[in-house]
Amino acid sequence: MSDEEQQPQTQEQPEPKVEDANSTINIKVVSSTGEEVFFKIKRSTKLSKLQGAYASKVGKDVSSIRFLYDGARINDDDTPASLDMDDNDTIDVMVEQVGGYCEVSP
């Protein structure tokens, strides 16, 4: 052994990135026609609030449109934090379609 004492090597591991629930992120809401509306909200804000603001802005009833993040429908209680959203993520908006109409000819 050498004269130097060997210390166990401890490398400092970077702590996992923890987002502050009160920090704000930018979210882009994109309609099926390509129209983009930008929002800046807290990570802890329920996305139902963003949905209501978007519906008002485009003049539609919030119950007539659907919001999707990564292909999954957003629930009223979801927040950016609960969906693990990052800054500048995109939410897609679709017009709700109920049923269909098919005319049958004789």
PDB file of N, CA and C in Angstrom:
ATOM      1  N   MET A   1       0.837  -1.177   0.000  1.00  0.00           N
ATOM      2  CA  MET A   1       0.000   0.000   0.000  1.00  0.00           C
ATOM      3  C   MET A   1       0.872   1.228   0.000  1.00  0.00           C
ATOM      4  N   SER A   2       0.353   2.262  -0.578  1.00  0.00           N
ATOM      5  CA  SER A   2       1.115   3.499  -0.612  1.00  0.00           C
ATOM      6  C   SER A   2       0.926   4.244   0.691  1.00  0.00           C
ATOM      7  N   ASP A   3       1.722   5.290   0.853  1.00  0.00           N
ATOM      8  CA  ASP A   3       1.618   6.092   2.065  1.00  0.00           C
ATOM      9  C   ASP A   3       0.315   6.892   2.102  1.00  0.00           C
ATOM     10  N   GLU A   4      -0.269   7.136   0.927  1.00  0.00           N
ATOM     11  CA  GLU A   4      -1.505   7.923   0.906  1.00  0.00           C
ATOM     12  C   GLU A   4      -2.677   7.032   1.280  1.00  0.00           C
ATOM     13  N   GLU A   5      -3.537   7.574   2.098  1.00  0.00           N
ATOM     14  CA  GLU A   5      -4.736   6.812   2.429  1.00  0.00           C
ATOM     15  C   GLU A   5      -5.701   6.912   1.268  1.00  0.00           C
ATOM     16  N   GLN A   6      -6.278   5.802   0.949  1.00  0.00           N
ATOM     17  CA  GLN A   6      -7.224   5.833  -0.154  1.00  0.00           C
ATOM     18  C   GLN A   6      -8.606   6.136   0.394  1.00  0.00           C
ATOM     19  N   GLN A   7      -9.170   7.181  -0.142  1.00  0.00           N
ATOM     20  CA  GLN A   7     -10.523   7.578   0.240  1.00  0.00           C
ATOM     21  C   GLN A   7     -11.494   6.939  -0.747  1.00  0.00           C
ATOM     22  N   PRO A   8     -12.626   6.507  -0.265  1.00  0.00           N
ATOM     23  CA  PRO A   8     -13.616   6.009  -1.219  1.00  0.00           C
ATOM     24  C   PRO A   8     -14.034   7.157  -2.143  1.00  0.00           C
ATOM     25  N   GLN A   9     -14.117   6.843  -3.406  1.00  0.00           N
ATOM     26  CA  GLN A   9     -14.462   7.892  -4.362  1.00  0.00           C
ATOM     27  C   GLN A   9     -15.971   8.080  -4.380  1.00  0.00           C
ATOM     28  N   THR A  10     -16.356   9.301  -4.160  1.00  0.00           N
ATOM     29  CA  THR A  10     -17.775   9.624  -4.225  1.00  0.00           C
ATOM     30  C   THR A  10     -17.956  10.733  -5.247  1.00  0.00           C
ATOM     31  N   GLN A  11     -18.604  10.379  -6.296  1.00  0.00           N
ATOM     32  CA  GLN A  11     -18.906  11.399  -7.292  1.00  0.00           C
ATOM     33  C   GLN A  11     -20.275  11.968  -6.959  1.00  0.00           C
ATOM     34  N   GLU A  12     -20.358  13.271  -7.064  1.00  0.00           N
ATOM     35  CA  GLU A  12     -21.651  13.877  -6.794  1.00  0.00           C
ATOM     36  C   GLU A  12     -22.561  13.622  -7.980  1.00  0.00           C
ATOM     37  N   GLN A  13     -23.669  12.982  -7.689  1.00  0.00           N
ATOM     38  CA  GLN A  13     -24.662  12.710  -8.726  1.00  0.00           C
ATOM     39  C   GLN A  13     -25.562  13.933  -8.858  1.00  0.00           C
ATOM     40  N   PRO A  14     -25.825  14.355 -10.074  1.00  0.00           N
ATOM     41  CA  PRO A  14     -26.762  15.467 -10.201  1.00  0.00           C
ATOM     42  C   PRO A  14     -28.140  15.019  -9.728  1.00  0.00           C
ATOM     43  N   GLU A  15     -28.792  15.880  -8.977  1.00  0.00           N
ATOM     44  CA  GLU A  15     -30.110  15.519  -8.473  1.00  0.00           C
ATOM     45  C   GLU A  15     -31.091  15.499  -9.622  1.00  0.00           C
ATOM     46  N   PRO A  16     -32.099  14.636  -9.538  1.00  0.00           N
ATOM     47  CA  PRO A  16     -33.085  14.619 -10.598  1.00  0.00           C
ATOM     48  C   PRO A  16     -33.768  15.978 -10.693  1.00  0.00           C
ATOM     49  N   LYS A  17     -34.090  16.347 -11.928  1.00  0.00           N
ATOM     50  CA  LYS A  17     -34.699  17.646 -12.160  1.00  0.00           C
ATOM     51  C   LYS A  17     -36.099  17.650 -11.551  1.00  0.00           C
ATOM     52  N   VAL A  18     -36.301  18.527 -10.598  1.00  0.00           N
ATOM     53  CA  VAL A  18     -37.608  18.643  -9.963  1.00  0.00           C
ATOM     54  C   VAL A  18     -38.164  20.013 -10.318  1.00  0.00           C
ATOM     55  N   GLU A  19     -39.310  20.011 -10.967  1.00  0.00           N
ATOM     56  CA  GLU A  19     -39.919  21.270 -11.374  1.00  0.00           C
ATOM     57  C   GLU A  19     -40.701  21.846 -10.203  1.00  0.00           C
ATOM     58  N   ASP A  20     -40.571  23.124 -10.027  1.00  0.00           N
ATOM     59  CA  ASP A  20     -41.337  23.827  -9.015  1.00  0.00           C
ATOM     60  C   ASP A  20     -42.781  23.914  -9.493  1.00  0.00           C
ATOM     61  N   ALA A  21     -43.727  23.519  -8.649  1.00  0.00           N
ATOM     62  CA  ALA A  21     -45.137  23.516  -9.038  1.00  0.00           C
ATOM     63  C   ALA A  21     -45.633  24.920  -9.377  1.00  0.00           C
ATOM     64  N   ASN A  22     -44.961  25.943  -8.860  1.00  0.00           N
ATOM     65  CA  ASN A  22     -45.381  27.306  -9.137  1.00  0.00           C
ATOM     66  C   ASN A  22     -44.654  27.915 -10.329  1.00  0.00           C
ATOM     67  N   SER A  23     -43.711  27.174 -10.914  1.00  0.00           N
ATOM     68  CA  SER A  23     -43.020  27.717 -12.076  1.00  0.00           C
ATOM     69  C   SER A  23     -43.983  27.719 -13.263  1.00  0.00           C
ATOM     70  N   THR A  24     -43.742  28.618 -14.196  1.00  0.00           N
ATOM     71  CA  THR A  24     -44.631  28.715 -15.342  1.00  0.00           C
ATOM     72  C   THR A  24     -43.991  28.060 -16.565  1.00  0.00           C
ATOM     73  N   ILE A  25     -44.854  27.548 -17.433  1.00  0.00           N
ATOM     74  CA  ILE A  25     -44.393  27.002 -18.700  1.00  0.00           C
ATOM     75  C   ILE A  25     -45.265  27.573 -19.811  1.00  0.00           C
ATOM     76  N   ASN A  26     -44.721  27.576 -21.007  1.00  0.00           N
ATOM     77  CA  ASN A  26     -45.455  28.022 -22.184  1.00  0.00           C
ATOM     78  C   ASN A  26     -46.034  26.799 -22.868  1.00  0.00           C
ATOM     79  N   ILE A  27     -47.305  26.900 -23.241  1.00  0.00           N
ATOM     80  CA  ILE A  27     -47.977  25.800 -23.913  1.00  0.00           C
ATOM     81  C   ILE A  27     -48.608  26.328 -25.190  1.00  0.00           C
ATOM     82  N   LYS A  28     -48.416  25.590 -26.269  1.00  0.00           N
ATOM     83  CA  LYS A  28     -49.004  25.954 -27.554  1.00  0.00           C
ATOM     84  C   LYS A  28     -50.213  25.064 -27.795  1.00  0.00           C
ATOM     85  N   VAL A  29     -51.353  25.680 -28.090  1.00  0.00           N
ATOM     86  CA  VAL A  29     -52.568  24.944 -28.404  1.00  0.00           C
ATOM     87  C   VAL A  29     -52.798  25.084 -29.905  1.00  0.00           C
ATOM     88  N   VAL A  30     -52.868  23.945 -30.601  1.00  0.00           N
ATOM     89  CA  VAL A  30     -52.966  23.945 -32.060  1.00  0.00           C
ATOM     90  C   VAL A  30     -54.270  23.288 -32.486  1.00  0.00           C
ATOM     91  N   SER A  31     -55.041  24.006 -33.318  1.00  0.00           N
ATOM     92  CA  SER A  31     -56.302  23.465 -33.823  1.00  0.00           C
ATOM     93  C   SER A  31     -56.035  22.574 -35.031  1.00  0.00           C
ATOM     94  N   SER A  32     -57.066  21.863 -35.466  1.00  0.00           N
ATOM     95  CA  SER A  32     -56.922  20.973 -36.625  1.00  0.00           C
ATOM     96  C   SER A  32     -56.673  21.761 -37.911  1.00  0.00           C
ATOM     97  N   THR A  33     -56.981  23.070 -37.890  1.00  0.00           N
ATOM     98  CA  THR A  33     -56.712  23.915 -39.062  1.00  0.00           C
ATOM     99  C   THR A  33     -55.321  24.529 -39.009  1.00  0.00           C
ATOM    100  N   GLY A  34     -54.583  24.277 -37.932  1.00  0.00           N
ATOM    101  CA  GLY A  34     -53.217  24.784 -37.812  1.00  0.00           C
ATOM    102  C   GLY A  34     -53.107  26.093 -37.048  1.00  0.00           C
ATOM    103  N   GLU A  35     -54.253  26.624 -36.586  1.00  0.00           N
ATOM    104  CA  GLU A  35     -54.230  27.871 -35.814  1.00  0.00           C
ATOM    105  C   GLU A  35     -53.560  27.618 -34.463  1.00  0.00           C
ATOM    106  N   GLU A  36     -52.638  28.504 -34.087  1.00  0.00           N
ATOM    107  CA  GLU A  36     -51.892  28.337 -32.840  1.00  0.00           C
ATOM    108  C   GLU A  36     -52.243  29.440 -31.857  1.00  0.00           C
ATOM    109  N   VAL A  37     -52.477  29.044 -30.607  1.00  0.00           N
ATOM    110  CA  VAL A  37     -52.709  29.993 -29.521  1.00  0.00           C
ATOM    111  C   VAL A  37     -51.747  29.616 -28.402  1.00  0.00           C
ATOM    112  N   PHE A  38     -51.066  30.620 -27.858  1.00  0.00           N
ATOM    113  CA  PHE A  38     -50.053  30.362 -26.832  1.00  0.00           C
ATOM    114  C   PHE A  38     -50.555  30.770 -25.457  1.00  0.00           C
ATOM    115  N   PHE A  39     -50.236  29.966 -24.464  1.00  0.00           N
ATOM    116  CA  PHE A  39     -50.601  30.237 -23.081  1.00  0.00           C
ATOM    117  C   PHE A  39     -49.372  30.075 -22.206  1.00  0.00           C
ATOM    118  N   LYS A  40     -49.321  30.872 -21.148  1.00  0.00           N
ATOM    119  CA  LYS A  40     -48.276  30.732 -20.132  1.00  0.00           C
ATOM    120  C   LYS A  40     -49.010  30.452 -18.825  1.00  0.00           C
ATOM    121  N   ILE A  41     -48.814  29.256 -18.285  1.00  0.00           N
ATOM    122  CA  ILE A  41     -49.529  28.872 -17.067  1.00  0.00           C
ATOM    123  C   ILE A  41     -48.573  28.220 -16.081  1.00  0.00           C
ATOM    124  N   LYS A  42     -49.016  28.172 -14.831  1.00  0.00           N
ATOM    125  CA  LYS A  42     -48.231  27.487 -13.798  1.00  0.00           C
ATOM    126  C   LYS A  42     -48.348  25.985 -14.005  1.00  0.00           C
ATOM    127  N   ARG A  43     -47.327  25.275 -13.597  1.00  0.00           N
ATOM    128  CA  ARG A  43     -47.326  23.819 -13.725  1.00  0.00           C
ATOM    129  C   ARG A  43     -48.414  23.171 -12.873  1.00  0.00           C
ATOM    130  N   SER A  44     -48.896  23.897 -11.863  1.00  0.00           N
ATOM    131  CA  SER A  44     -49.912  23.341 -10.964  1.00  0.00           C
ATOM    132  C   SER A  44     -51.335  23.735 -11.359  1.00  0.00           C
ATOM    133  N   THR A  45     -51.493  24.547 -12.403  1.00  0.00           N
ATOM    134  CA  THR A  45     -52.821  25.011 -12.825  1.00  0.00           C
ATOM    135  C   THR A  45     -53.560  23.896 -13.559  1.00  0.00           C
ATOM    136  N   LYS A  46     -54.829  23.697 -13.198  1.00  0.00           N
ATOM    137  CA  LYS A  46     -55.623  22.687 -13.889  1.00  0.00           C
ATOM    138  C   LYS A  46     -55.810  23.109 -15.341  1.00  0.00           C
ATOM    139  N   LEU A  47     -55.658  22.143 -16.223  1.00  0.00           N
ATOM    140  CA  LEU A  47     -55.760  22.442 -17.648  1.00  0.00           C
ATOM    141  C   LEU A  47     -57.185  22.784 -18.070  1.00  0.00           C
ATOM    142  N   SER A  48     -58.170  22.518 -17.216  1.00  0.00           N
ATOM    143  CA  SER A  48     -59.542  22.930 -17.525  1.00  0.00           C
ATOM    144  C   SER A  48     -59.615  24.450 -17.630  1.00  0.00           C
ATOM    145  N   LYS A  49     -58.779  25.150 -16.882  1.00  0.00           N
ATOM    146  CA  LYS A  49     -58.740  26.614 -16.950  1.00  0.00           C
ATOM    147  C   LYS A  49     -58.210  27.065 -18.320  1.00  0.00           C
ATOM    148  N   LEU A  50     -57.170  26.415 -18.801  1.00  0.00           N
ATOM    149  CA  LEU A  50     -56.634  26.710 -20.130  1.00  0.00           C
ATOM    150  C   LEU A  50     -57.672  26.382 -21.195  1.00  0.00           C
ATOM    151  N   GLN A  51     -58.391  25.270 -21.035  1.00  0.00           N
ATOM    152  CA  GLN A  51     -59.402  24.874 -22.012  1.00  0.00           C
ATOM    153  C   GLN A  51     -60.499  25.933 -22.107  1.00  0.00           C
ATOM    154  N   GLY A  52     -60.952  26.441 -20.963  1.00  0.00           N
ATOM    155  CA  GLY A  52     -61.976  27.481 -20.950  1.00  0.00           C
ATOM    156  C   GLY A  52     -61.494  28.756 -21.610  1.00  0.00           C
ATOM    157  N   ALA A  53     -60.245  29.121 -21.341  1.00  0.00           N
ATOM    158  CA  ALA A  53     -59.673  30.335 -21.929  1.00  0.00           C
ATOM    159  C   ALA A  53     -59.551  30.184 -23.445  1.00  0.00           C
ATOM    160  N   TYR A  54     -59.141  29.003 -23.894  1.00  0.00           N
ATOM    161  CA  TYR A  54     -59.012  28.762 -25.327  1.00  0.00           C
ATOM    162  C   TYR A  54     -60.387  28.834 -25.993  1.00  0.00           C
ATOM    163  N   ALA A  55     -61.373  28.174 -25.405  1.00  0.00           N
ATOM    164  CA  ALA A  55     -62.724  28.164 -25.989  1.00  0.00           C
ATOM    165  C   ALA A  55     -63.266  29.586 -26.111  1.00  0.00           C
ATOM    166  N   SER A  56     -63.056  30.407 -25.088  1.00  0.00           N
ATOM    167  CA  SER A  56     -63.507  31.805 -25.136  1.00  0.00           C
ATOM    168  C   SER A  56     -62.801  32.563 -26.247  1.00  0.00           C
ATOM    169  N   LYS A  57     -61.519  32.322 -26.359  1.00  0.00           N
ATOM    170  CA  LYS A  57     -60.717  33.049 -27.346  1.00  0.00           C
ATOM    171  C   LYS A  57     -61.147  32.740 -28.781  1.00  0.00           C
ATOM    172  N   VAL A  58     -61.507  31.482 -29.049  1.00  0.00           N
ATOM    173  CA  VAL A  58     -61.896  31.102 -30.411  1.00  0.00           C
ATOM    174  C   VAL A  58     -63.408  31.122 -30.614  1.00  0.00           C
ATOM    175  N   GLY A  59     -64.165  31.464 -29.570  1.00  0.00           N
ATOM    176  CA  GLY A  59     -65.615  31.592 -29.693  1.00  0.00           C
ATOM    177  C   GLY A  59     -66.357  30.280 -29.827  1.00  0.00           C
ATOM    178  N   LYS A  60     -65.859  29.240 -29.162  1.00  0.00           N
ATOM    179  CA  LYS A  60     -66.540  27.944 -29.187  1.00  0.00           C
ATOM    180  C   LYS A  60     -66.932  27.554 -27.769  1.00  0.00           C
ATOM    181  N   ASP A  61     -67.906  26.673 -27.677  1.00  0.00           N
ATOM    182  CA  ASP A  61     -68.293  26.132 -26.383  1.00  0.00           C
ATOM    183  C   ASP A  61     -67.267  25.068 -25.992  1.00  0.00           C
ATOM    184  N   VAL A  62     -66.788  25.125 -24.759  1.00  0.00           N
ATOM    185  CA  VAL A  62     -65.724  24.202 -24.327  1.00  0.00           C
ATOM    186  C   VAL A  62     -66.170  22.744 -24.430  1.00  0.00           C
ATOM    187  N   SER A  63     -67.465  22.495 -24.330  1.00  0.00           N
ATOM    188  CA  SER A  63     -67.941  21.105 -24.412  1.00  0.00           C
ATOM    189  C   SER A  63     -67.962  20.586 -25.852  1.00  0.00           C
ATOM    190  N   SER A  64     -67.776  21.480 -26.828  1.00  0.00           N
ATOM    191  CA  SER A  64     -67.811  21.050 -28.224  1.00  0.00           C
ATOM    192  C   SER A  64     -66.421  20.762 -28.791  1.00  0.00           C
ATOM    193  N   ILE A  65     -65.384  20.943 -27.981  1.00  0.00           N
ATOM    194  CA  ILE A  65     -64.021  20.681 -28.448  1.00  0.00           C
ATOM    195  C   ILE A  65     -63.296  19.757 -27.478  1.00  0.00           C
ATOM    196  N   ARG A  66     -62.320  19.029 -28.000  1.00  0.00           N
ATOM    197  CA  ARG A  66     -61.544  18.078 -27.200  1.00  0.00           C
ATOM    198  C   ARG A  66     -60.071  18.456 -27.263  1.00  0.00           C
ATOM    199  N   PHE A  67     -59.400  18.281 -26.129  1.00  0.00           N
ATOM    200  CA  PHE A  67     -57.985  18.632 -26.015  1.00  0.00           C
ATOM    201  C   PHE A  67     -57.180  17.354 -25.819  1.00  0.00           C
ATOM    202  N   LEU A  68     -56.116  17.212 -26.619  1.00  0.00           N
ATOM    203  CA  LEU A  68     -55.281  16.014 -26.558  1.00  0.00           C
ATOM    204  C   LEU A  68     -53.831  16.396 -26.324  1.00  0.00           C
ATOM    205  N   TYR A  69     -53.161  15.608 -25.479  1.00  0.00           N
ATOM    206  CA  TYR A  69     -51.724  15.771 -25.271  1.00  0.00           C
ATOM    207  C   TYR A  69     -51.082  14.411 -25.518  1.00  0.00           C
ATOM    208  N   ASP A  70     -50.152  14.366 -26.430  1.00  0.00           N
ATOM    209  CA  ASP A  70     -49.504  13.105 -26.837  1.00  0.00           C
ATOM    210  C   ASP A  70     -50.539  12.050 -27.219  1.00  0.00           C
ATOM    211  N   GLY A  71     -51.608  12.481 -27.881  1.00  0.00           N
ATOM    212  CA  GLY A  71     -52.625  11.552 -28.370  1.00  0.00           C
ATOM    213  C   GLY A  71     -53.658  11.130 -27.349  1.00  0.00           C
ATOM    214  N   ALA A  72     -53.482  11.512 -26.082  1.00  0.00           N
ATOM    215  CA  ALA A  72     -54.425  11.126 -25.025  1.00  0.00           C
ATOM    216  C   ALA A  72     -55.277  12.332 -24.634  1.00  0.00           C
ATOM    217  N   ARG A  73     -56.543  12.071 -24.368  1.00  0.00           N
ATOM    218  CA  ARG A  73     -57.456  13.146 -24.004  1.00  0.00           C
ATOM    219  C   ARG A  73     -57.081  13.718 -22.646  1.00  0.00           C
ATOM    220  N   ILE A  74     -57.147  15.036 -22.546  1.00  0.00           N
ATOM    221  CA  ILE A  74     -56.831  15.725 -21.293  1.00  0.00           C
ATOM    222  C   ILE A  74     -58.086  15.782 -20.429  1.00  0.00           C
ATOM    223  N   ASN A  75     -57.949  15.396 -19.177  1.00  0.00           N
ATOM    224  CA  ASN A  75     -59.054  15.458 -18.223  1.00  0.00           C
ATOM    225  C   ASN A  75     -59.063  16.813 -17.513  1.00  0.00           C
ATOM    226  N   ASP A  76     -60.212  17.177 -16.959  1.00  0.00           N
ATOM    227  CA  ASP A  76     -60.350  18.479 -16.303  1.00  0.00           C
ATOM    228  C   ASP A  76     -59.378  18.662 -15.142  1.00  0.00           C
ATOM    229  N   ASP A  77     -59.049  17.584 -14.439  1.00  0.00           N
ATOM    230  CA  ASP A  77     -58.168  17.694 -13.273  1.00  0.00           C
ATOM    231  C   ASP A  77     -56.687  17.619 -13.617  1.00  0.00           C
ATOM    232  N   ASP A  78     -56.364  17.354 -14.870  1.00  0.00           N
ATOM    233  CA  ASP A  78     -54.961  17.254 -15.263  1.00  0.00           C
ATOM    234  C   ASP A  78     -54.267  18.608 -15.164  1.00  0.00           C
ATOM    235  N   THR A  79     -52.991  18.563 -14.822  1.00  0.00           N
ATOM    236  CA  THR A  79     -52.154  19.764 -14.777  1.00  0.00           C
ATOM    237  C   THR A  79     -50.920  19.493 -15.633  1.00  0.00           C
ATOM    238  N   PRO A  80     -50.188  20.533 -16.021  1.00  0.00           N
ATOM    239  CA  PRO A  80     -48.937  20.283 -16.741  1.00  0.00           C
ATOM    240  C   PRO A  80     -47.993  19.371 -15.949  1.00  0.00           C
ATOM    241  N   ALA A  81     -47.977  19.529 -14.626  1.00  0.00           N
ATOM    242  CA  ALA A  81     -47.105  18.695 -13.795  1.00  0.00           C
ATOM    243  C   ALA A  81     -47.563  17.238 -13.820  1.00  0.00           C
ATOM    244  N   SER A  82     -48.873  17.003 -13.723  1.00  0.00           N
ATOM    245  CA  SER A  82     -49.365  15.619 -13.684  1.00  0.00           C
ATOM    246  C   SER A  82     -49.154  14.910 -15.017  1.00  0.00           C
ATOM    247  N   LEU A  83     -49.114  15.680 -16.116  1.00  0.00           N
ATOM    248  CA  LEU A  83     -48.878  15.082 -17.437  1.00  0.00           C
ATOM    249  C   LEU A  83     -47.410  15.131 -17.828  1.00  0.00           C
ATOM    250  N   ASP A  84     -46.575  15.614 -16.919  1.00  0.00           N
ATOM    251  CA  ASP A  84     -45.129  15.710 -17.156  1.00  0.00           C
ATOM    252  C   ASP A  84     -44.829  16.522 -18.414  1.00  0.00           C
ATOM    253  N   MET A  85     -45.532  17.646 -18.545  1.00  0.00           N
ATOM    254  CA  MET A  85     -45.342  18.509 -19.710  1.00  0.00           C
ATOM    255  C   MET A  85     -44.086  19.345 -19.548  1.00  0.00           C
ATOM    256  N   ASP A  86     -43.467  19.649 -20.666  1.00  0.00           N
ATOM    257  CA  ASP A  86     -42.280  20.493 -20.684  1.00  0.00           C
ATOM    258  C   ASP A  86     -42.631  21.843 -21.295  1.00  0.00           C
ATOM    259  N   ASP A  87     -41.752  22.794 -21.099  1.00  0.00           N
ATOM    260  CA  ASP A  87     -41.934  24.115 -21.676  1.00  0.00           C
ATOM    261  C   ASP A  87     -42.046  23.997 -23.197  1.00  0.00           C
ATOM    262  N   ASN A  88     -42.955  24.731 -23.780  1.00  0.00           N
ATOM    263  CA  ASN A  88     -43.206  24.770 -25.223  1.00  0.00           C
ATOM    264  C   ASN A  88     -43.827  23.492 -25.785  1.00  0.00           C
ATOM    265  N   ASP A  89     -44.454  22.678 -24.938  1.00  0.00           N
ATOM    266  CA  ASP A  89     -45.170  21.504 -25.435  1.00  0.00           C
ATOM    267  C   ASP A  89     -46.439  21.944 -26.162  1.00  0.00           C
ATOM    268  N   THR A  90     -47.007  21.024 -26.939  1.00  0.00           N
ATOM    269  CA  THR A  90     -48.179  21.323 -27.763  1.00  0.00           C
ATOM    270  C   THR A  90     -49.379  20.495 -27.328  1.00  0.00           C
ATOM    271  N   ILE A  91     -50.522  21.151 -27.257  1.00  0.00           N
ATOM    272  CA  ILE A  91     -51.806  20.489 -27.022  1.00  0.00           C
ATOM    273  C   ILE A  91     -52.584  20.598 -28.328  1.00  0.00           C
ATOM    274  N   ASP A  92     -53.160  19.485 -28.763  1.00  0.00           N
ATOM    275  CA  ASP A  92     -53.958  19.479 -29.989  1.00  0.00           C
ATOM    276  C   ASP A  92     -55.429  19.645 -29.635  1.00  0.00           C
ATOM    277  N   VAL A  93     -56.153  20.386 -30.485  1.00  0.00           N
ATOM    278  CA  VAL A  93     -57.584  20.623 -30.274  1.00  0.00           C
ATOM    279  C   VAL A  93     -58.352  20.016 -31.432  1.00  0.00           C
ATOM    280  N   MET A  94     -59.374  19.248 -31.105  1.00  0.00           N
ATOM    281  CA  MET A  94     -60.236  18.643 -32.115  1.00  0.00           C
ATOM    282  C   MET A  94     -61.682  19.056 -31.848  1.00  0.00           C
ATOM    283  N   VAL A  95     -62.442  19.215 -32.921  1.00  0.00           N
ATOM    284  CA  VAL A  95     -63.866  19.517 -32.769  1.00  0.00           C
ATOM    285  C   VAL A  95     -64.572  18.210 -32.474  1.00  0.00           C
ATOM    286  N   GLU A  96     -65.397  18.222 -31.427  1.00  0.00           N
ATOM    287  CA  GLU A  96     -66.149  17.025 -31.044  1.00  0.00           C
ATOM    288  C   GLU A  96     -67.141  16.689 -32.138  1.00  0.00           C
ATOM    289  N   GLN A  97     -67.137  15.435 -32.565  1.00  0.00           N
ATOM    290  CA  GLN A  97     -68.101  15.001 -33.564  1.00  0.00           C
ATOM    291  C   GLN A  97     -69.013  13.970 -32.924  1.00  0.00           C
ATOM    292  N   VAL A  98     -70.295  14.251 -32.980  1.00  0.00           N
ATOM    293  CA  VAL A  98     -71.269  13.345 -32.392  1.00  0.00           C
ATOM    294  C   VAL A  98     -72.043  12.666 -33.502  1.00  0.00           C
ATOM    295  N   GLY A  99     -71.971  11.357 -33.532  1.00  0.00           N
ATOM    296  CA  GLY A  99     -72.730  10.610 -34.525  1.00  0.00           C
ATOM    297  C   GLY A  99     -72.346  10.956 -35.947  1.00  0.00           C
ATOM    298  N   GLY A 100     -73.211  10.654 -36.832  1.00  0.00           N
ATOM    299  CA  GLY A 100     -72.982  10.944 -38.233  1.00  0.00           C
ATOM    300  C   GLY A 100     -74.299  10.864 -38.962  1.00  0.00           C
ATOM    301  N   TYR A 101     -74.284  11.271 -40.173  1.00  0.00           N
ATOM    302  CA  TYR A 101     -75.495  11.244 -40.964  1.00  0.00           C
ATOM    303  C   TYR A 101     -75.197  10.553 -42.269  1.00  0.00           C
ATOM    304  N   CYS A 102     -75.985   9.580 -42.584  1.00  0.00           N
ATOM    305  CA  CYS A 102     -75.809   8.846 -43.822  1.00  0.00           C
ATOM    306  C   CYS A 102     -77.181   8.695 -44.466  1.00  0.00           C
ATOM    307  N   GLU A 103     -77.302   9.226 -45.652  1.00  0.00           N
ATOM    308  CA  GLU A 103     -78.585   9.117 -46.352  1.00  0.00           C
ATOM    309  C   GLU A 103     -78.574   7.838 -47.166  1.00  0.00           C
ATOM    310  N   VAL A 104     -79.598   7.052 -46.991  1.00  0.00           N
ATOM    311  CA  VAL A 104     -79.693   5.793 -47.715  1.00  0.00           C
ATOM    312  C   VAL A 104     -80.683   5.991 -48.856  1.00  0.00           C
ATOM    313  N   SER A 105     -80.232   5.721 -50.056  1.00  0.00           N
ATOM    314  CA  SER A 105     -81.143   5.866 -51.196  1.00  0.00           C
ATOM    315  C   SER A 105     -81.755   4.510 -51.529  1.00  0.00           C
ATOM    316  N   PRO A 106     -82.996   4.529 -52.009  1.00  0.00           N
ATOM    317  CA  PRO A 106     -83.700   3.253 -52.286  1.00  0.00           C
ATOM    318  C   PRO A 106     -83.129   2.484 -53.445  1.00  0.00           C
TER     319      PRO A 106
END
